[in-house]
All heavy atoms as atom14 arrays in JSON, in Angstrom:
{
  "sequence": "PEKDKVLEEQVGELLKAGHIREVQFPTWLSNVVLVPKSTRKWRMCVD",
  "atom14_mask": [
    [1, 1, 1, 1, 1, 1, 1, 0, 0, 0, 0, 0, 0, 0],
    [1, 1, 1, 1, 1, 1, 1, 1, 1, 0, 0, 0, 0, 0],
    [1, 1, 1, 1, 1, 1, 1, 1, 1, 0, 0, 0, 0, 0],
    [1, 1, 1, 1, 1, 1, 1, 1, 0, 0, 0, 0, 0, 0],
    [1, 1, 1, 1, 1, 1, 1, 1, 1, 0, 0, 0, 0, 0],
    [1, 1, 1, 1, 1, 1, 1, 0, 0, 0, 0, 0, 0, 0],
    [1, 1, 1, 1, 1, 1, 1, 1, 0, 0, 0, 0, 0, 0],
    [1, 1, 1, 1, 1, 1, 1, 1, 1, 0, 0, 0, 0, 0],
    [1, 1, 1, 1, 1, 1, 1, 1, 1, 0, 0, 0, 0, 0],
    [1, 1, 1, 1, 1, 1, 1, 1, 1, 0, 0, 0, 0, 0],
    [1, 1, 1, 1, 1, 1, 1, 0, 0, 0, 0, 0, 0, 0],
    [1, 1, 1, 1, 0, 0, 0, 0, 0, 0, 0, 0, 0, 0],
    [1, 1, 1, 1, 1, 1, 1, 1, 1, 0, 0, 0, 0, 0],
    [1, 1, 1, 1, 1, 1, 1, 1, 0, 0, 0, 0, 0, 0],
    [1, 1, 1, 1, 1, 1, 1, 1, 0, 0, 0, 0, 0, 0],
    [1, 1, 1, 1, 1, 1, 1, 1, 1, 0, 0, 0, 0, 0],
    [1, 1, 1, 1, 1, 0, 0, 0, 0, 0, 0, 0, 0, 0],
    [1, 1, 1, 1, 0, 0, 0, 0, 0, 0, 0, 0, 0, 0],
    [1, 1, 1, 1, 1, 1, 1, 1, 1, 1, 0, 0, 0, 0],
    [1, 1, 1, 1, 1, 1, 1, 1, 0, 0, 0, 0, 0, 0],
    [1, 1, 1, 1, 1, 1, 1, 1, 1, 1, 1, 0, 0, 0],
    [1, 1, 1, 1, 1, 1, 1, 1, 1, 0, 0, 0, 0, 0],
    [1, 1, 1, 1, 1, 1, 1, 0, 0, 0, 0, 0, 0, 0],
    [1, 1, 1, 1, 1, 1, 1, 1, 1, 0, 0, 0, 0, 0],
    [1, 1, 1, 1, 1, 1, 1, 1, 1, 1, 1, 0, 0, 0],
    [1, 1, 1, 1, 1, 1, 1, 0, 0, 0, 0, 0, 0, 0],
    [1, 1, 1, 1, 1, 1, 1, 0, 0, 0, 0, 0, 0, 0],
    [1, 1, 1, 1, 1, 1, 1, 1, 1, 1, 1, 1, 1, 1],
    [1, 1, 1, 1, 1, 1, 1, 1, 0, 0, 0, 0, 0, 0],
    [1, 1, 1, 1, 1, 1, 0, 0, 0, 0, 0, 0, 0, 0],
    [1, 1, 1, 1, 1, 1, 1, 1, 0, 0, 0, 0, 0, 0],
    [1, 1, 1, 1, 1, 1, 1, 0, 0, 0, 0, 0, 0, 0],
    [1, 1, 1, 1, 1, 1, 1, 0, 0, 0, 0, 0, 0, 0],
    [1, 1, 1, 1, 1, 1, 1, 1, 0, 0, 0, 0, 0, 0],
    [1, 1, 1, 1, 1, 1, 1, 0, 0, 0, 0, 0, 0, 0],
    [1, 1, 1, 1, 1, 1, 1, 0, 0, 0, 0, 0, 0, 0],
    [1, 1, 1, 1, 1, 1, 1, 1, 1, 0, 0, 0, 0, 0],
    [1, 1, 1, 1, 1, 1, 0, 0, 0, 0, 0, 0, 0, 0],
    [1, 1, 1, 1, 1, 1, 1, 0, 0, 0, 0, 0, 0, 0],
    [1, 1, 1, 1, 1, 1, 1, 1, 1, 1, 1, 0, 0, 0],
    [1, 1, 1, 1, 1, 1, 1, 1, 1, 0, 0, 0, 0, 0],
    [1, 1, 1, 1, 1, 1, 1, 1, 1, 1, 1, 1, 1, 1],
    [1, 1, 1, 1, 1, 1, 1, 1, 1, 1, 1, 0, 0, 0],
    [1, 1, 1, 1, 1, 1, 1, 1, 0, 0, 0, 0, 0, 0],
    [1, 1, 1, 1, 1, 1, 0, 0, 0, 0, 0, 0, 0, 0],
    [1, 1, 1, 1, 1, 1, 1, 0, 0, 0, 0, 0, 0, 0],
    [1, 1, 1, 1, 1, 1, 1, 1, 0, 0, 0, 0, 0, 0]
  ],
  "atom14_positions": [
    [[97.57, 13.78, -51.98], [97.35, 14.23, -50.58], [96.11, 13.64, -49.94], [96.12, 13.31, -48.75], [97.25, 15.76, -50.71], [96.95, 16.02, -52.15], [97.58, 14.91, -52.93], [0.0, 0.0, 0.0], [0.0, 0.0, 0.0], [0.0, 0.0, 0.0], [0.0, 0.0, 0.0], [0.0, 0.0, 0.0], [0.0, 0.0, 0.0], [0.0, 0.0, 0.0]],
    [[94.99, 13.49, -50.69], [93.76, 12.98, -50.08], [93.93, 11.54, -49.63], [93.57, 11.18, -48.5], [92.61, 13.11, -51.08], [92.22, 14.55, -51.38], [91.02, 14.63, -52.3], [90.47, 13.56, -52.65], [90.61, 15.75, -52.66], [0.0, 0.0, 0.0], [0.0, 0.0, 0.0], [0.0, 0.0, 0.0], [0.0, 0.0, 0.0], [0.0, 0.0, 0.0]],
    [[94.46, 10.7, -50.51], [94.64, 9.29, -50.15], [95.75, 9.11, -49.12], [95.67, 8.19, -48.29], [94.93, 8.47, -51.41], [93.75, 8.38, -52.36], [94.05, 7.47, -53.54], [92.84, 7.36, -54.45], [93.11, 6.5, -55.63], [0.0, 0.0, 0.0], [0.0, 0.0, 0.0], [0.0, 0.0, 0.0], [0.0, 0.0, 0.0], [0.0, 0.0, 0.0]],
    [[96.76, 9.97, -49.16], [97.81, 9.9, -48.13], [97.22, 10.16, -46.75], [97.66, 9.55, -45.76], [98.92, 10.91, -48.43], [99.9, 10.41, -49.48], [99.94, 9.18, -49.7], [100.59, 11.23, -50.08], [0.0, 0.0, 0.0], [0.0, 0.0, 0.0], [0.0, 0.0, 0.0], [0.0, 0.0, 0.0], [0.0, 0.0, 0.0], [0.0, 0.0, 0.0]],
    [[96.24, 11.04, -46.69], [95.59, 11.32, -45.4], [94.83, 10.1, -44.9], [94.86, 9.77, -43.71], [94.65, 12.52, -45.54], [94.02, 12.95, -44.23], [93.15, 14.19, -44.41], [92.51, 14.61, -43.09], [91.64, 15.8, -43.25], [0.0, 0.0, 0.0], [0.0, 0.0, 0.0], [0.0, 0.0, 0.0], [0.0, 0.0, 0.0], [0.0, 0.0, 0.0]],
    [[94.14, 9.39, -45.83], [93.44, 8.16, -45.46], [94.41, 7.12, -44.96], [94.18, 6.44, -43.95], [92.63, 7.64, -46.66], [91.99, 6.29, -46.32], [91.55, 8.64, -47.07], [0.0, 0.0, 0.0], [0.0, 0.0, 0.0], [0.0, 0.0, 0.0], [0.0, 0.0, 0.0], [0.0, 0.0, 0.0], [0.0, 0.0, 0.0], [0.0, 0.0, 0.0]],
    [[95.54, 6.97, -45.67], [96.55, 6.0, -45.26], [97.12, 6.35, -43.89], [97.34, 5.46, -43.06], [97.68, 5.95, -46.3], [97.33, 5.34, -47.66], [98.47, 5.55, -48.64], [97.02, 3.86, -47.51], [0.0, 0.0, 0.0], [0.0, 0.0, 0.0], [0.0, 0.0, 0.0], [0.0, 0.0, 0.0], [0.0, 0.0, 0.0], [0.0, 0.0, 0.0]],
    [[97.36, 7.63, -43.65], [97.9, 8.06, -42.35], [96.95, 7.7, -41.22], [97.39, 7.22, -40.16], [98.15, 9.56, -42.39], [98.75, 10.12, -41.1], [98.96, 11.62, -41.16], [98.71, 12.21, -42.23], [99.35, 12.2, -40.13], [0.0, 0.0, 0.0], [0.0, 0.0, 0.0], [0.0, 0.0, 0.0], [0.0, 0.0, 0.0], [0.0, 0.0, 0.0]],
    [[95.65, 7.9, -41.43], [94.67, 7.57, -40.4], [94.64, 6.06, -40.12], [94.64, 5.64, -38.95], [93.29, 8.05, -40.83], [93.16, 9.57, -40.89], [91.81, 10.01, -41.43], [91.04, 9.12, -41.84], [91.54, 11.23, -41.45], [0.0, 0.0, 0.0], [0.0, 0.0, 0.0], [0.0, 0.0, 0.0], [0.0, 0.0, 0.0], [0.0, 0.0, 0.0]],
    [[94.63, 5.25, -41.19], [94.53, 3.8, -41.0], [95.82, 3.23, -40.41], [95.77, 2.3, -39.59], [94.17, 3.12, -42.31], [92.83, 3.57, -42.87], [92.27, 2.62, -43.91], [92.65, 1.46, -43.99], [91.34, 3.13, -44.71], [0.0, 0.0, 0.0], [0.0, 0.0, 0.0], [0.0, 0.0, 0.0], [0.0, 0.0, 0.0], [0.0, 0.0, 0.0]],
    [[96.96, 3.76, -40.81], [98.23, 3.32, -40.2], [98.26, 3.7, -38.73], [98.73, 2.92, -37.88], [99.42, 3.93, -40.96], [100.72, 3.74, -40.18], [99.55, 3.31, -42.34], [0.0, 0.0, 0.0], [0.0, 0.0, 0.0], [0.0, 0.0, 0.0], [0.0, 0.0, 0.0], [0.0, 0.0, 0.0], [0.0, 0.0, 0.0], [0.0, 0.0, 0.0]],
    [[97.76, 4.89, -38.39], [97.71, 5.3, -37.0], [96.85, 4.37, -36.14], [97.21, 4.05, -35.0], [0.0, 0.0, 0.0], [0.0, 0.0, 0.0], [0.0, 0.0, 0.0], [0.0, 0.0, 0.0], [0.0, 0.0, 0.0], [0.0, 0.0, 0.0], [0.0, 0.0, 0.0], [0.0, 0.0, 0.0], [0.0, 0.0, 0.0], [0.0, 0.0, 0.0]],
    [[95.71, 3.93, -36.7], [94.86, 2.99, -35.96], [95.57, 1.66, -35.74], [95.46, 1.05, -34.66], [93.57, 2.78, -36.74], [92.67, 4.03, -36.81], [91.45, 3.8, -37.67], [91.31, 2.68, -38.2], [90.65, 4.74, -37.82], [0.0, 0.0, 0.0], [0.0, 0.0, 0.0], [0.0, 0.0, 0.0], [0.0, 0.0, 0.0], [0.0, 0.0, 0.0]],
    [[96.3, 1.18, -36.75], [97.02, -0.09, -36.6], [98.15, 0.04, -35.57], [98.4, -0.9, -34.81], [97.58, -0.52, -37.96], [96.55, -0.96, -39.01], [97.22, -1.17, -40.36], [95.84, -2.23, -38.58], [0.0, 0.0, 0.0], [0.0, 0.0, 0.0], [0.0, 0.0, 0.0], [0.0, 0.0, 0.0], [0.0, 0.0, 0.0], [0.0, 0.0, 0.0]],
    [[98.83, 1.19, -35.57], [99.89, 1.41, -34.57], [99.32, 1.45, -33.16], [99.87, 0.87, -32.22], [100.63, 2.71, -34.88], [101.66, 2.67, -36.01], [102.13, 4.08, -36.33], [102.84, 1.79, -35.63], [0.0, 0.0, 0.0], [0.0, 0.0, 0.0], [0.0, 0.0, 0.0], [0.0, 0.0, 0.0], [0.0, 0.0, 0.0], [0.0, 0.0, 0.0]],
    [[98.19, 2.15, -33.01], [97.56, 2.27, -31.7], [97.11, 0.91, -31.17], [97.2, 0.64, -29.96], [96.37, 3.23, -31.79], [95.7, 3.51, -30.46], [94.56, 4.51, -30.62], [93.88, 4.78, -29.29], [92.74, 5.75, -29.46], [0.0, 0.0, 0.0], [0.0, 0.0, 0.0], [0.0, 0.0, 0.0], [0.0, 0.0, 0.0], [0.0, 0.0, 0.0]],
    [[96.63, 0.06, -32.08], [96.18, -1.27, -31.68], [97.33, -2.25, -31.47], [97.13, -3.35, -30.96], [95.22, -1.83, -32.72], [0.0, 0.0, 0.0], [0.0, 0.0, 0.0], [0.0, 0.0, 0.0], [0.0, 0.0, 0.0], [0.0, 0.0, 0.0], [0.0, 0.0, 0.0], [0.0, 0.0, 0.0], [0.0, 0.0, 0.0], [0.0, 0.0, 0.0]],
    [[98.55, -1.86, -31.87], [99.69, -2.75, -31.71], [99.8, -3.81, -32.78], [100.52, -4.81, -32.6], [0.0, 0.0, 0.0], [0.0, 0.0, 0.0], [0.0, 0.0, 0.0], [0.0, 0.0, 0.0], [0.0, 0.0, 0.0], [0.0, 0.0, 0.0], [0.0, 0.0, 0.0], [0.0, 0.0, 0.0], [0.0, 0.0, 0.0], [0.0, 0.0, 0.0]],
    [[99.14, -3.63, -33.91], [99.17, -4.63, -34.97], [100.35, -4.44, -35.91], [100.71, -5.37, -36.62], [97.86, -4.57, -35.78], [96.66, -4.96, -34.97], [95.38, -4.55, -35.29], [96.54, -5.71, -33.85], [94.53, -5.03, -34.4], [95.22, -5.73, -33.52], [0.0, 0.0, 0.0], [0.0, 0.0, 0.0], [0.0, 0.0, 0.0], [0.0, 0.0, 0.0]],
    [[100.94, -3.26, -35.91], [102.13, -3.01, -36.73], [103.14, -2.26, -35.88], [102.82, -1.76, -34.8], [101.8, -2.19, -38.0], [101.24, -0.81, -37.62], [100.83, -2.93, -38.91], [101.04, 0.11, -38.82], [0.0, 0.0, 0.0], [0.0, 0.0, 0.0], [0.0, 0.0, 0.0], [0.0, 0.0, 0.0], [0.0, 0.0, 0.0], [0.0, 0.0, 0.0]],
    [[104.37, -2.17, -36.38], [105.41, -1.39, -35.73], [106.32, -0.82, -36.82], [106.35, -1.33, -37.95], [106.23, -2.24, -34.75], [106.94, -3.43, -35.39], [107.77, -4.18, -34.38], [108.32, -5.42, -34.92], [109.46, -5.5, -35.61], [110.17, -4.4, -35.85], [109.9, -6.66, -36.07], [0.0, 0.0, 0.0], [0.0, 0.0, 0.0], [0.0, 0.0, 0.0]],
    [[107.03, 0.22, -36.47], [107.98, 0.78, -37.42], [109.16, -0.17, -37.59], [109.55, -0.89, -36.65], [108.46, 2.15, -36.96], [107.4, 3.23, -37.01], [107.99, 4.62, -36.84], [108.7, 5.08, -37.77], [107.73, 5.23, -35.78], [0.0, 0.0, 0.0], [0.0, 0.0, 0.0], [0.0, 0.0, 0.0], [0.0, 0.0, 0.0], [0.0, 0.0, 0.0]],
    [[109.75, -0.15, -38.77], [110.85, -1.08, -39.06], [111.9, -0.35, -39.88], [111.59, 0.57, -40.66], [110.32, -2.32, -39.82], [109.78, -1.94, -41.19], [111.4, -3.38, -39.95], [0.0, 0.0, 0.0], [0.0, 0.0, 0.0], [0.0, 0.0, 0.0], [0.0, 0.0, 0.0], [0.0, 0.0, 0.0], [0.0, 0.0, 0.0], [0.0, 0.0, 0.0]],
    [[113.16, -0.74, -39.69], [114.27, -0.2, -40.47], [114.98, -1.33, -41.19], [115.08, -2.45, -40.68], [115.26, 0.54, -39.56], [114.69, 1.81, -38.93], [115.71, 2.5, -38.06], [116.68, 1.88, -37.6], [115.51, 3.8, -37.82], [0.0, 0.0, 0.0], [0.0, 0.0, 0.0], [0.0, 0.0, 0.0], [0.0, 0.0, 0.0], [0.0, 0.0, 0.0]],
    [[115.5, -1.03, -42.37], [116.26, -1.99, -43.18], [115.5, -3.31, -43.41], [116.04, -4.39, -43.16], [117.61, -2.29, -42.52], [118.34, -1.07, -42.06], [118.54, -0.83, -40.72], [118.81, -0.14, -42.98], [119.2, 0.31, -40.29], [119.48, 1.0, -42.55], [119.69, 1.23, -41.21], [0.0, 0.0, 0.0], [0.0, 0.0, 0.0], [0.0, 0.0, 0.0]],
    [[114.25, -3.26, -43.88], [113.53, -4.52, -44.14], [114.11, -5.22, -45.37], [114.61, -4.59, -46.31], [112.1, -4.05, -44.4], [112.24, -2.66, -44.92], [113.45, -2.08, -44.21], [0.0, 0.0, 0.0], [0.0, 0.0, 0.0], [0.0, 0.0, 0.0], [0.0, 0.0, 0.0], [0.0, 0.0, 0.0], [0.0, 0.0, 0.0], [0.0, 0.0, 0.0]],
    [[114.06, -6.54, -45.37], [114.55, -7.32, -46.52], [113.51, -7.37, -47.64], [113.87, -7.39, -48.82], [114.87, -8.76, -46.08], [113.72, -9.33, -45.43], [116.03, -8.76, -45.1], [0.0, 0.0, 0.0], [0.0, 0.0, 0.0], [0.0, 0.0, 0.0], [0.0, 0.0, 0.0], [0.0, 0.0, 0.0], [0.0, 0.0, 0.0], [0.0, 0.0, 0.0]],
    [[112.24, -7.42, -47.28], [111.15, -7.36, -48.25], [110.36, -6.08, -47.99], [110.22, -5.65, -46.85], [110.21, -8.56, -48.11], [110.82, -9.89, -48.45], [111.68, -10.6, -47.68], [110.63, -10.64, -49.63], [112.04, -11.77, -48.3], [111.38, -11.83, -49.52], [109.86, -10.45, -50.79], [111.41, -12.8, -50.51], [109.88, -11.42, -51.77], [110.66, -12.58, -51.64]],
    [[109.85, -5.48, -49.06], [109.1, -4.24, -48.9], [107.99, -4.2, -49.95], [108.25, -4.36, -51.15], [110.0, -3.01, -49.04], [109.39, -1.66, -48.66], [108.97, -1.67, -47.19], [110.37, -0.53, -48.92], [0.0, 0.0, 0.0], [0.0, 0.0, 0.0], [0.0, 0.0, 0.0], [0.0, 0.0, 0.0], [0.0, 0.0, 0.0], [0.0, 0.0, 0.0]],
    [[106.75, -4.0, -49.49], [105.59, -3.99, -50.38], [104.89, -2.65, -50.31], [105.04, -1.9, -49.33], [104.61, -5.11, -50.0], [105.25, -6.38, -50.02], [0.0, 0.0, 0.0], [0.0, 0.0, 0.0], [0.0, 0.0, 0.0], [0.0, 0.0, 0.0], [0.0, 0.0, 0.0], [0.0, 0.0, 0.0], [0.0, 0.0, 0.0], [0.0, 0.0, 0.0]],
    [[104.11, -2.35, -51.34], [103.33, -1.13, -51.38], [101.94, -1.36, -50.81], [101.44, -2.5, -50.79], [103.2, -0.64, -52.83], [104.33, 0.3, -53.21], [104.41, 1.41, -52.72], [105.21, -0.17, -54.08], [0.0, 0.0, 0.0], [0.0, 0.0, 0.0], [0.0, 0.0, 0.0], [0.0, 0.0, 0.0], [0.0, 0.0, 0.0], [0.0, 0.0, 0.0]],
    [[101.32, -0.29, -50.38], [99.93, -0.36, -49.94], [99.03, -0.07, -51.13], [99.43, 0.55, -52.11], [99.64, 0.64, -48.8], [100.39, 0.24, -47.55], [100.0, 2.05, -49.21], [0.0, 0.0, 0.0], [0.0, 0.0, 0.0], [0.0, 0.0, 0.0], [0.0, 0.0, 0.0], [0.0, 0.0, 0.0], [0.0, 0.0, 0.0], [0.0, 0.0, 0.0]],
    [[97.79, -0.55, -51.04], [96.78, -0.35, -52.08], [95.5, 0.07, -51.38], [95.09, -0.53, -50.38], [96.54, -1.63, -52.9], [95.48, -1.39, -53.96], [97.83, -2.11, -53.54], [0.0, 0.0, 0.0], [0.0, 0.0, 0.0], [0.0, 0.0, 0.0], [0.0, 0.0, 0.0], [0.0, 0.0, 0.0], [0.0, 0.0, 0.0], [0.0, 0.0, 0.0]],
    [[94.85, 1.11, -51.89], [93.56, 1.54, -51.36], [92.45, 0.94, -52.22], [92.38, 1.19, -53.43], [93.46, 3.07, -51.35], [94.22, 3.77, -50.23], [94.11, 5.28, -50.37], [93.7, 3.33, -48.87], [0.0, 0.0, 0.0], [0.0, 0.0, 0.0], [0.0, 0.0, 0.0], [0.0, 0.0, 0.0], [0.0, 0.0, 0.0], [0.0, 0.0, 0.0]],
    [[91.59, 0.15, -51.58], [90.5, -0.53, -52.28], [89.19, 0.09, -51.83], [88.93, 0.21, -50.63], [90.52, -2.05, -51.97], [89.38, -2.76, -52.69], [91.86, -2.65, -52.35], [0.0, 0.0, 0.0], [0.0, 0.0, 0.0], [0.0, 0.0, 0.0], [0.0, 0.0, 0.0], [0.0, 0.0, 0.0], [0.0, 0.0, 0.0], [0.0, 0.0, 0.0]],
    [[88.33, 0.5, -52.77], [87.04, 1.09, -52.38], [86.1, 0.04, -51.8], [85.96, -1.05, -52.35], [86.5, 1.67, -53.69], [87.18, 0.89, -54.76], [88.52, 0.51, -54.23], [0.0, 0.0, 0.0], [0.0, 0.0, 0.0], [0.0, 0.0, 0.0], [0.0, 0.0, 0.0], [0.0, 0.0, 0.0], [0.0, 0.0, 0.0], [0.0, 0.0, 0.0]],
    [[85.47, 0.37, -50.68], [84.49, -0.51, -50.05], [83.1, -0.16, -50.56], [82.88, 0.86, -51.21], [84.57, -0.36, -48.52], [85.93, -0.7, -47.94], [86.03, -0.32, -46.48], [85.1, -1.1, -45.6], [85.28, -0.79, -44.18], [0.0, 0.0, 0.0], [0.0, 0.0, 0.0], [0.0, 0.0, 0.0], [0.0, 0.0, 0.0], [0.0, 0.0, 0.0]],
    [[82.14, -1.03, -50.25], [80.77, -0.79, -50.68], [80.18, 0.45, -50.04], [79.22, 1.04, -50.55], [79.9, -2.01, -50.34], [79.93, -2.28, -48.94], [0.0, 0.0, 0.0], [0.0, 0.0, 0.0], [0.0, 0.0, 0.0], [0.0, 0.0, 0.0], [0.0, 0.0, 0.0], [0.0, 0.0, 0.0], [0.0, 0.0, 0.0], [0.0, 0.0, 0.0]],
    [[80.76, 0.9, -48.9], [80.29, 2.09, -48.22], [80.92, 3.37, -48.79], [80.76, 4.43, -48.21], [80.62, 2.0, -46.71], [82.03, 1.82, -46.55], [79.89, 0.83, -46.08], [0.0, 0.0, 0.0], [0.0, 0.0, 0.0], [0.0, 0.0, 0.0], [0.0, 0.0, 0.0], [0.0, 0.0, 0.0], [0.0, 0.0, 0.0], [0.0, 0.0, 0.0]],
    [[81.66, 3.23, -49.9], [82.34, 4.34, -50.57], [83.53, 4.85, -49.76], [84.07, 5.9, -50.06], [81.37, 5.5, -50.87], [80.17, 5.12, -51.67], [80.54, 4.52, -53.01], [81.3, 5.44, -53.83], [80.76, 6.35, -54.63], [79.45, 6.44, -54.7], [81.52, 7.14, -55.36], [0.0, 0.0, 0.0], [0.0, 0.0, 0.0], [0.0, 0.0, 0.0]],
    [[83.93, 4.11, -48.72], [85.14, 4.44, -47.99], [86.29, 3.59, -48.54], [86.1, 2.75, -49.4], [84.94, 4.19, -46.48], [83.92, 5.12, -45.84], [83.84, 4.89, -44.35], [82.83, 5.83, -43.69], [82.75, 5.62, -42.23], [0.0, 0.0, 0.0], [0.0, 0.0, 0.0], [0.0, 0.0, 0.0], [0.0, 0.0, 0.0], [0.0, 0.0, 0.0]],
    [[87.49, 3.82, -48.01], [88.67, 3.12, -48.5], [89.16, 2.11, -47.48], [89.12, 2.33, -46.28], [89.79, 4.13, -48.79], [89.49, 5.07, -49.91], [89.05, 6.36, -49.8], [89.59, 4.81, -51.3], [88.87, 6.91, -51.03], [89.2, 5.98, -51.98], [89.97, 3.7, -52.05], [89.19, 6.08, -53.36], [89.95, 3.79, -53.44], [89.57, 4.97, -54.08]],
    [[89.64, 0.98, -47.98], [90.28, -0.04, -47.14], [91.73, -0.15, -47.57], [92.03, -0.33, -48.75], [89.58, -1.39, -47.3], [90.3, -2.51, -46.51], [89.81, -3.88, -46.9], [88.43, -4.09, -46.52], [87.51, -4.57, -47.35], [87.83, -4.85, -48.6], [86.27, -4.76, -46.94], [0.0, 0.0, 0.0], [0.0, 0.0, 0.0], [0.0, 0.0, 0.0]],
    [[92.64, -0.05, -46.61], [94.06, -0.16, -46.91], [94.47, -1.62, -46.95], [94.27, -2.37, -45.99], [94.89, 0.59, -45.86], [96.37, 0.67, -46.22], [97.43, 1.26, -44.88], [97.59, -0.24, -43.89], [0.0, 0.0, 0.0], [0.0, 0.0, 0.0], [0.0, 0.0, 0.0], [0.0, 0.0, 0.0], [0.0, 0.0, 0.0], [0.0, 0.0, 0.0]],
    [[95.02, -2.05, -48.07], [95.56, -3.4, -48.22], [97.03, -3.28, -48.61], [97.52, -2.2, -48.93], [94.78, -4.19, -49.28], [93.01, -4.33, -48.94], [0.0, 0.0, 0.0], [0.0, 0.0, 0.0], [0.0, 0.0, 0.0], [0.0, 0.0, 0.0], [0.0, 0.0, 0.0], [0.0, 0.0, 0.0], [0.0, 0.0, 0.0], [0.0, 0.0, 0.0]],
    [[97.72, -4.4, -48.57], [99.14, -4.43, -48.91], [99.34, -5.37, -50.09], [98.77, -6.46, -50.14], [100.0, -4.88, -47.71], [101.48, -4.85, -48.07], [99.74, -3.97, -46.51], [0.0, 0.0, 0.0], [0.0, 0.0, 0.0], [0.0, 0.0, 0.0], [0.0, 0.0, 0.0], [0.0, 0.0, 0.0], [0.0, 0.0, 0.0], [0.0, 0.0, 0.0]],
    [[100.14, -4.93, -51.06], [100.41, -5.72, -52.27], [101.49, -6.75, -51.95], [102.68, -6.52, -52.17], [100.84, -4.78, -53.39], [101.06, -5.52, -54.69], [100.79, -6.74, -54.73], [101.49, -4.9, -55.68], [0.0, 0.0, 0.0], [0.0, 0.0, 0.0], [0.0, 0.0, 0.0], [0.0, 0.0, 0.0], [0.0, 0.0, 0.0], [0.0, 0.0, 0.0]]
  ]
}
């Protein structure tokens, strides 16, 4: 639940900025990865 909340916030920021969009029936699908930053916060990356 804690990391899901972080992912939800970062996905929301990307949606608001128009950098991502929702998609259905994708041909390729990757998982997200949370990487700790030097500031002890999390950065969302994609595998």
